[in-house]
Protein backbone atom coordinates (compact mmCIF):
# COMPACT_ATOMS: atom_id res chain seq x y z
CA MET A 1 74.10 144.05 0.78
CA LYS A 2 74.94 142.49 -2.58
CA SER A 3 72.71 139.46 -2.03
CA ARG A 4 69.89 141.65 -0.74
CA MET A 5 69.89 143.99 -3.71
CA LEU A 6 70.99 141.75 -6.54
CA ALA A 7 68.48 139.05 -5.69
CA LEU A 8 66.30 141.07 -8.03
CA ILE A 9 68.01 139.40 -10.96
CA SER A 10 66.23 136.14 -10.19
CA PHE A 11 63.11 137.48 -11.89
CA LEU A 12 64.78 137.20 -15.29
CA CYS A 13 63.14 133.91 -16.20
CA LEU A 14 61.97 133.68 -19.78
CA SER A 15 61.50 131.07 -22.44
CA ALA A 16 60.62 130.66 -26.06
CA ALA A 17 57.61 128.43 -25.61
CA GLN A 18 56.09 129.09 -29.00
CA ALA A 19 52.39 129.31 -28.16
CA THR A 20 49.58 131.62 -27.21
CA ALA A 21 46.55 130.91 -25.08
CA ASP A 22 44.65 129.49 -28.07
CA VAL A 23 47.54 127.55 -29.65
CA PRO A 24 48.73 124.25 -28.16
CA LEU A 25 52.16 124.16 -26.55
CA GLY A 26 54.69 121.58 -27.65
CA LYS A 27 55.04 118.47 -25.50
CA GLY A 28 58.16 119.79 -23.79
CA PHE A 29 56.53 122.95 -22.53
CA GLU A 30 53.30 121.21 -21.57
CA HIS A 31 55.47 119.19 -19.19
CA PHE A 32 57.52 122.23 -18.22
CA TYR A 33 54.61 124.40 -17.07
CA ASN A 34 53.09 121.44 -15.23
CA LEU A 35 56.28 120.97 -13.14
CA GLU A 36 57.22 117.74 -14.96
CA TYR A 37 60.81 118.71 -15.56
CA ASP A 38 62.30 115.26 -16.20
CA GLU A 39 59.79 114.71 -18.98
CA ALA A 40 60.38 118.23 -20.35
CA ILE A 41 64.14 117.69 -20.45
CA ALA A 42 63.68 114.40 -22.32
CA GLU A 43 61.50 116.16 -24.91
CA PHE A 44 63.95 119.02 -25.38
CA GLN A 45 66.87 116.62 -25.74
CA ARG A 46 64.85 114.80 -28.39
CA ASP A 47 64.31 118.12 -30.18
CA ILE A 48 68.06 118.78 -30.14
CA ARG A 49 68.81 115.36 -31.63
CA GLN A 50 66.39 116.19 -34.46
CA ASN A 51 67.37 119.84 -34.88
CA GLY A 52 70.73 120.47 -33.24
CA ASP A 53 71.30 123.73 -35.13
CA SER A 54 68.40 125.47 -33.38
CA ALA A 55 69.56 127.92 -30.72
CA ALA A 56 66.03 127.95 -29.28
CA SER A 57 66.12 124.18 -28.71
CA HIS A 58 69.31 124.52 -26.65
CA ASN A 59 67.73 127.41 -24.71
CA HIS A 60 64.71 125.24 -23.91
CA LEU A 61 66.94 122.51 -22.51
CA ALA A 62 68.95 124.98 -20.41
CA GLN A 63 65.79 126.52 -18.98
CA ALA A 64 64.34 123.14 -18.01
CA ILE A 65 67.59 122.12 -16.30
CA LEU A 66 67.65 125.35 -14.28
CA TYR A 67 64.02 125.09 -13.25
CA ARG A 68 64.33 121.46 -12.25
CA ALA A 69 67.15 122.40 -9.90
CA MET A 70 65.10 125.32 -8.53
CA PHE A 71 62.06 123.08 -8.05
CA ARG A 72 64.04 120.46 -6.16
CA ALA A 73 65.50 123.15 -3.88
CA GLY A 74 62.08 124.62 -3.15
CA ALA A 75 63.15 127.79 -4.93
CA LEU A 76 59.88 128.19 -6.82
CA GLU A 77 57.82 128.55 -3.66
CA SER A 78 55.81 131.75 -3.42
CA GLU A 79 56.49 131.99 0.34
CA LEU A 80 59.83 133.43 -0.77
CA VAL A 81 58.01 136.67 -1.53
CA SER A 82 56.65 137.72 1.84
CA GLY A 83 56.71 140.32 4.53
CA THR A 84 59.89 142.34 4.73
CA ASN A 85 61.99 139.86 2.79
CA PRO A 86 64.06 141.54 0.06
CA PHE A 87 62.52 141.26 -3.40
CA LEU A 88 62.85 137.55 -4.06
CA ARG A 89 65.23 135.72 -1.75
CA ARG A 90 66.08 132.29 -2.96
CA PRO A 91 67.36 129.24 -1.10
CA LYS A 92 70.64 127.94 -2.43
CA VAL A 93 70.20 126.05 -5.69
CA GLU A 94 72.67 123.21 -6.16
CA PRO A 95 72.36 121.32 -9.46
CA THR A 96 74.31 118.11 -9.86
CA PRO A 97 77.70 118.35 -11.60
CA GLY A 98 76.06 116.64 -14.58
CA ASP A 99 73.33 119.26 -14.72
CA ASN A 100 75.93 122.03 -14.51
CA ARG A 101 77.67 120.58 -17.55
CA LEU A 102 74.39 120.15 -19.44
CA PHE A 103 73.37 123.74 -18.74
CA ASP A 104 76.74 125.22 -19.66
CA ASP A 105 76.93 123.15 -22.85
CA ALA A 106 73.40 124.13 -23.88
CA ILE A 107 74.03 127.86 -23.37
CA ARG A 108 77.43 127.71 -25.04
CA ARG A 109 75.96 125.91 -28.05
CA SER A 110 72.99 128.30 -28.24
CA MET A 111 75.28 131.32 -28.22
CA GLU A 112 77.63 129.82 -30.81
CA ILE A 113 74.76 129.12 -33.19
CA SER A 114 73.24 132.58 -32.75
CA GLN A 115 76.52 134.47 -33.06
CA LYS A 116 77.43 132.56 -36.24
CA GLN A 117 74.03 133.31 -37.77
CA LEU A 118 74.30 137.00 -36.88
CA GLN A 119 77.56 137.17 -38.80
CA SER A 120 75.56 136.29 -41.91
CA ASN A 121 72.61 138.57 -41.12
CA ALA A 122 73.10 141.13 -38.38
CA ARG A 123 69.44 142.18 -38.55
CA ASP A 124 67.90 138.72 -37.99
CA THR A 125 65.50 139.45 -35.13
CA ALA A 126 64.73 135.80 -34.40
CA VAL A 127 68.43 135.12 -33.86
CA MET A 128 68.85 138.27 -31.73
CA TYR A 129 65.90 137.15 -29.65
CA ALA A 130 67.37 133.68 -29.07
CA LEU A 131 70.74 135.14 -28.08
CA GLY A 132 69.04 137.50 -25.63
CA VAL A 133 67.21 134.56 -24.07
CA ALA A 134 70.51 132.72 -23.64
CA TYR A 135 71.98 135.72 -21.81
CA GLY A 136 68.86 135.94 -19.61
CA LEU A 137 69.05 132.27 -18.68
CA ARG A 138 72.75 132.53 -17.90
CA ALA A 139 71.97 135.57 -15.74
CA ASN A 140 69.59 133.44 -13.71
CA TYR A 141 72.15 130.68 -13.38
CA ASN A 142 74.90 133.08 -12.36
CA PHE A 143 72.72 134.47 -9.61
CA LEU A 144 70.89 131.37 -8.36
CA VAL A 145 73.64 128.79 -8.64
CA ARG A 146 77.00 130.51 -8.85
CA LYS A 147 76.08 133.53 -6.71
CA ALA A 148 77.97 135.66 -9.21
CA TRP A 149 75.91 138.80 -8.60
CA PHE A 150 77.54 141.24 -10.98
CA ASP A 151 78.01 138.66 -13.73
CA ALA A 152 74.27 138.06 -13.47
CA LEU A 153 73.42 141.73 -13.84
CA ARG A 154 75.89 142.08 -16.69
CA ASP A 155 74.34 139.15 -18.58
CA ALA A 156 70.84 140.52 -17.96
CA THR A 157 71.89 143.88 -19.35
CA SER A 158 73.41 142.23 -22.44
CA GLY A 159 70.16 140.36 -23.04
CA ARG A 160 68.20 143.58 -22.60
CA LYS A 161 70.30 145.36 -25.23
CA LEU A 162 69.72 142.57 -27.74
CA HIS A 163 65.99 142.57 -27.18
CA ASN A 164 65.95 146.35 -27.48
CA LYS A 165 67.33 145.87 -30.99
CA VAL A 166 64.62 143.33 -31.76
CA SER A 167 62.00 145.90 -30.75
CA GLU A 168 63.70 148.58 -32.87
CA PHE A 169 63.62 146.38 -35.96
CA ASP A 170 60.16 144.93 -35.27
CA ALA A 171 57.95 147.09 -33.08
CA SER A 172 55.15 144.50 -33.26
CA ASN A 173 57.22 141.87 -31.44
CA ALA A 174 55.67 141.89 -27.97
CA ASP A 175 57.76 138.92 -26.79
CA ALA A 176 61.01 140.90 -26.93
CA ARG A 177 59.47 143.29 -24.43
CA LEU A 178 59.46 140.68 -21.63
CA LEU A 179 63.13 141.07 -20.78
CA GLN A 180 62.81 144.83 -21.15
CA GLY A 181 59.88 144.94 -18.73
CA VAL A 182 61.59 142.78 -16.16
CA HIS A 183 64.85 144.71 -16.50
CA ASP A 184 63.04 148.04 -16.05
CA TYR A 185 61.28 146.76 -12.95
CA VAL A 186 64.44 145.22 -11.50
CA VAL A 187 66.74 148.18 -12.15
CA GLY A 188 64.03 150.53 -10.93
CA SER A 189 64.12 148.64 -7.62
CA LEU A 190 67.90 148.91 -7.18
CA PRO A 191 69.59 151.52 -4.94
CA TRP A 192 71.43 154.36 -6.64
CA HIS A 193 74.94 153.04 -5.93
CA ILE A 194 74.22 149.80 -7.80
CA LYS A 195 72.85 151.79 -10.73
CA LEU A 196 76.22 153.56 -11.03
CA LEU A 197 77.80 150.34 -12.29
CA GLY A 198 79.28 150.85 -15.74
CA PHE A 199 77.20 148.23 -17.50
CA LEU A 200 73.98 149.84 -16.18
CA VAL A 201 74.76 153.25 -17.65
CA GLY A 202 71.72 154.40 -19.60
CA PHE A 203 69.31 152.11 -17.75
CA ARG A 204 67.63 154.05 -14.96
CA GLY A 205 64.80 151.57 -14.57
CA ASP A 206 61.09 152.20 -14.20
CA LYS A 207 59.10 150.00 -11.84
CA ASP A 208 55.66 151.12 -13.00
CA GLY A 209 56.71 151.11 -16.64
CA GLY A 210 58.15 147.63 -16.25
CA ILE A 211 54.85 146.36 -14.87
CA ARG A 212 52.94 147.93 -17.76
CA THR A 213 55.30 146.29 -20.24
CA LEU A 214 54.84 142.88 -18.63
CA GLU A 215 51.08 143.35 -18.72
CA LEU A 216 51.39 144.02 -22.46
CA VAL A 217 53.38 140.82 -22.98
CA GLY A 218 50.94 138.88 -20.81
CA ALA A 219 48.08 140.05 -23.02
CA LYS A 220 49.66 140.05 -26.49
CA GLY A 221 52.80 137.91 -26.35
CA ARG A 222 53.15 134.91 -28.64
CA LEU A 223 56.15 133.19 -27.07
CA ASN A 224 56.22 134.64 -23.58
CA GLN A 225 52.60 135.14 -22.63
CA TYR A 226 52.56 132.57 -19.83
CA ASP A 227 55.96 133.62 -18.48
CA ALA A 228 54.80 137.22 -18.28
CA GLN A 229 51.62 136.24 -16.46
CA ILE A 230 53.52 134.14 -13.91
CA LEU A 231 56.02 136.95 -13.34
CA LEU A 232 53.19 139.43 -12.89
CA CYS A 233 51.67 137.25 -10.16
CA ALA A 234 54.95 137.43 -8.23
CA ILE A 235 55.31 141.16 -8.81
CA TYR A 236 51.70 141.86 -7.82
CA ARG A 237 52.34 140.09 -4.56
CA ARG A 238 55.47 142.10 -3.90
CA GLU A 239 53.60 145.28 -4.69
CA ARG A 240 50.73 144.15 -2.42
CA LEU A 241 48.21 143.87 -5.24
CA PRO A 242 46.85 140.34 -4.69
CA GLY A 243 43.51 141.27 -6.20
CA LYS A 244 45.22 141.66 -9.59
CA ALA A 245 47.01 138.32 -9.26
CA ILE A 246 43.97 136.18 -8.40
CA PRO A 247 42.27 136.25 -11.85
CA LEU A 248 45.61 135.58 -13.53
CA LEU A 249 46.17 132.57 -11.30
CA ASP A 250 42.67 131.25 -11.95
CA SER A 251 43.42 131.36 -15.68
CA LEU A 252 46.85 129.74 -15.31
CA ILE A 253 45.44 126.96 -13.13
CA GLU A 254 42.85 126.17 -15.77
CA ARG A 255 45.58 126.07 -18.43
CA PHE A 256 48.10 124.04 -16.39
CA PRO A 257 45.99 121.84 -14.07
CA ARG A 258 48.88 119.64 -12.89
CA ASN A 259 50.88 122.59 -11.54
CA TYR A 260 50.09 122.49 -7.83
CA LEU A 261 52.36 125.45 -7.06
CA LEU A 262 49.87 127.71 -8.82
CA ARG A 263 47.17 126.56 -6.39
CA PHE A 264 49.43 127.23 -3.41
CA GLU A 265 50.05 130.70 -4.82
CA LEU A 266 46.30 131.25 -5.20
CA ALA A 267 45.83 130.36 -1.53
CA GLN A 268 48.50 132.86 -0.50
CA MET A 269 47.00 135.58 -2.67
CA HIS A 270 43.57 135.06 -1.09
CA SER A 271 45.27 135.24 2.30
CA ASP A 272 47.08 138.44 1.36
CA ASN A 273 43.77 139.80 0.09
CA GLY A 274 42.24 139.36 3.55
CA ASP A 275 40.06 136.34 2.74
CA LYS A 276 41.01 133.59 5.18
CA ALA A 277 38.10 131.35 4.17
CA LYS A 278 39.04 131.31 0.47
CA ALA A 279 42.71 130.84 1.33
CA LEU A 280 42.02 127.78 3.47
CA ALA A 281 39.51 126.47 0.93
CA ALA A 282 42.22 126.58 -1.74
CA ILE A 283 44.53 124.55 0.51
CA GLN A 284 41.70 122.10 1.23
CA ARG A 285 41.20 121.64 -2.50
CA ILE A 286 44.88 120.78 -2.95
CA GLU A 287 44.60 118.18 -0.18
CA GLU A 288 41.49 116.66 -1.78
CA MET A 289 43.19 116.43 -5.17
CA ARG A 290 46.20 114.73 -3.63
CA SER A 291 44.00 112.23 -1.77
CA ALA A 292 42.06 111.51 -4.97
CA GLY A 293 45.27 110.77 -6.87
CA VAL A 294 44.79 113.58 -9.39
CA ALA A 295 47.61 113.69 -11.95
CA GLY A 296 50.46 115.91 -10.79
CA PHE A 297 49.38 115.88 -7.15
CA THR A 298 50.35 112.37 -6.07
CA ARG A 299 54.02 113.35 -5.75
CA LEU A 300 53.19 116.38 -3.61
CA PRO A 301 54.43 115.83 -0.02
CA ALA A 302 51.61 116.20 2.51
CA GLU A 303 53.96 118.30 4.62
CA LYS A 304 53.83 121.11 2.06
CA ILE A 305 50.07 121.23 2.45
CA TRP A 306 50.33 121.33 6.24
CA TYR A 307 52.96 124.04 6.02
CA ALA A 308 50.82 126.22 3.75
CA ARG A 309 47.76 125.77 5.94
CA GLY A 310 49.76 126.45 9.11
CA THR A 311 51.25 129.61 7.63
CA ILE A 312 47.81 131.01 6.81
CA GLN A 313 46.60 130.15 10.31
CA PHE A 314 49.70 131.81 11.76
CA TRP A 315 49.02 135.09 9.99
CA TYR A 316 45.38 135.07 11.04
CA GLY A 317 46.24 134.40 14.68
CA ASP A 318 44.92 130.84 14.87
CA LEU A 319 48.03 129.82 16.76
CA ASP A 320 46.91 126.48 18.21
CA ALA A 321 45.98 125.11 14.79
CA ALA A 322 49.12 126.59 13.25
CA LEU A 323 51.22 124.99 15.98
CA ASP A 324 49.73 121.55 15.28
CA ASN A 325 50.44 121.86 11.55
CA MET A 326 54.02 123.06 11.99
CA ARG A 327 54.77 120.25 14.41
CA ARG A 328 53.57 117.76 11.81
CA VAL A 329 55.84 119.34 9.22
CA THR A 330 58.95 119.60 11.39
CA ALA A 331 58.60 115.95 12.42
CA ARG A 332 59.79 115.15 8.88
CA ALA A 333 61.72 118.31 8.05
CA GLN A 334 64.85 116.35 7.17
CA ASP A 335 62.98 114.64 4.33
CA LEU A 336 61.78 117.87 2.71
CA ASP A 337 63.49 120.43 0.52
CA LEU A 338 65.59 122.78 2.62
CA ASN A 339 63.34 125.75 1.97
CA THR A 340 60.25 124.05 3.40
CA GLY A 341 62.18 122.38 6.22
CA THR A 342 63.95 125.46 7.51
CA SER A 343 60.91 127.70 7.01
CA ALA A 344 58.78 125.31 9.04
CA TRP A 345 61.25 125.36 11.94
CA LEU A 346 61.34 129.16 11.76
CA ARG A 347 57.55 129.39 11.77
CA LEU A 348 57.30 126.91 14.66
CA GLY A 349 59.70 129.03 16.68
CA GLN A 350 57.72 132.18 15.94
CA ILE A 351 54.47 130.53 17.01
CA CYS A 352 56.03 129.31 20.23
CA ASP A 353 57.39 132.78 20.95
CA MET A 354 53.94 134.29 20.43
CA LYS A 355 52.46 131.73 22.83
CA GLY A 356 55.09 132.46 25.45
CA ARG A 357 56.89 129.12 25.06
CA ARG A 358 60.36 130.57 24.81
CA SER A 359 62.35 127.39 25.45
CA GLU A 360 60.47 125.54 22.68
CA ALA A 361 60.97 128.52 20.36
CA VAL A 362 64.72 128.48 20.98
CA GLN A 363 64.88 124.75 20.20
CA ALA A 364 63.00 125.31 16.93
CA TYR A 365 65.30 128.14 15.85
CA ARG A 366 68.34 125.99 16.59
CA HIS A 367 66.90 123.17 14.48
CA ALA A 368 66.59 125.53 11.51
CA VAL A 369 70.17 126.72 11.91
CA ARG A 370 71.46 123.15 12.06
CA LEU A 371 69.40 122.06 9.07
CA ALA A 372 70.63 124.80 6.71
CA PRO A 373 73.03 127.26 8.37
CA GLU A 374 73.31 129.57 5.34
CA SER A 375 69.61 129.77 4.55
CA ASP A 376 67.58 132.94 4.94
CA ALA A 377 65.38 131.20 7.51
CA ALA A 378 68.45 130.30 9.58
CA LYS A 379 69.64 133.90 9.47
CA GLN A 380 66.28 135.06 10.80
CA CYS A 381 66.37 132.36 13.46
CA ARG A 382 69.71 133.63 14.74
CA ARG A 383 68.11 137.01 15.35
CA PHE A 384 65.24 135.43 17.25
CA LEU A 385 67.69 133.43 19.37
CA SER A 386 68.86 136.78 20.70
CA ALA A 387 65.40 138.29 21.16
CA PRO A 388 61.96 136.65 20.94
CA TYR A 389 59.87 137.10 17.81
CA ARG A 390 57.11 139.69 18.13
CA ARG A 391 54.47 140.20 15.45
CA ASP A 392 54.52 143.96 15.89
CA ARG A 393 58.30 144.04 15.46
CA GLN A 394 58.76 142.15 12.21
CA LYS A 395 56.49 140.64 9.60
CA GLY A 396 58.13 137.53 8.20
């Protein structure tokens, strides 16, 4: 129950990428939003060497370290928001010990700098904002890496309180509303017994209000505009509003052309919107860009393309084509991130069950369990080992 409900905290992803749509990002965040995390980390470390007393610089480094670990684990995939899955299930994220140290040191240093500066000026909104970001990032890390559910919620609530103060002192600061909007949406999605926790007293949550706040930040934010837009795409999918996500994704793709995950998300949104042709065309475009050696796409495994195409075919009942694609993916599942590998075995088993090939389905489910026993896909597979998958029984 805790993992199901407190997975909501994983939406608390924010940055301080000082830019708007018409102002260039710094080099670090150009790399960051284009999935080039090694390059982003190098830029942020360079910033720290030049300006080590900047809490924001340490926050940038911590965020890039977290996202690199999530990316490598397949934890940024939009397939994680689907069907009856709880809010935003994540595969296990396991940074290296070195990355753990780098993240902890960056957050510790950021908080030390901010807390010292607040002792000199308790009304410094820029410092409050940076400290709130640090709490938000640590909330993500506590949930995604350490699986410390209540520590994550507690940190998120601390960040929310700080950003509330920023808004009180400066009502024009739209960026401070990002954490407030996410927190309102998250807490509004929690069951009543979680809301009774002491550190959530006074925060009832408001799903619709949280969405409106994020839309405000996405339109008027200076630091967090892109983060708000990306979060809205995920929320719109959860709320089954793909039509609202598609124009946002088109804009983000134009702004960050090397980010292939945005194109995969666009394909899924078209699929969710009932347009199979546009969904498959978006996947075809990704494949063409990879074949042409377009920057950012050469490192994309072909298996991810086959998986995305096969998933769309699965949902639209084109089972023979879906089966061919999933077989191609599972042939190299051990070389992929665990999320893609286990999900492909799960999907292959479901397809086989729908085609009446029960023995093949059972083998596929067992492969998923062996590959990553604690994954969400493996947990679903264990259920289907007991009883065959049926489309009318469960969407997922």
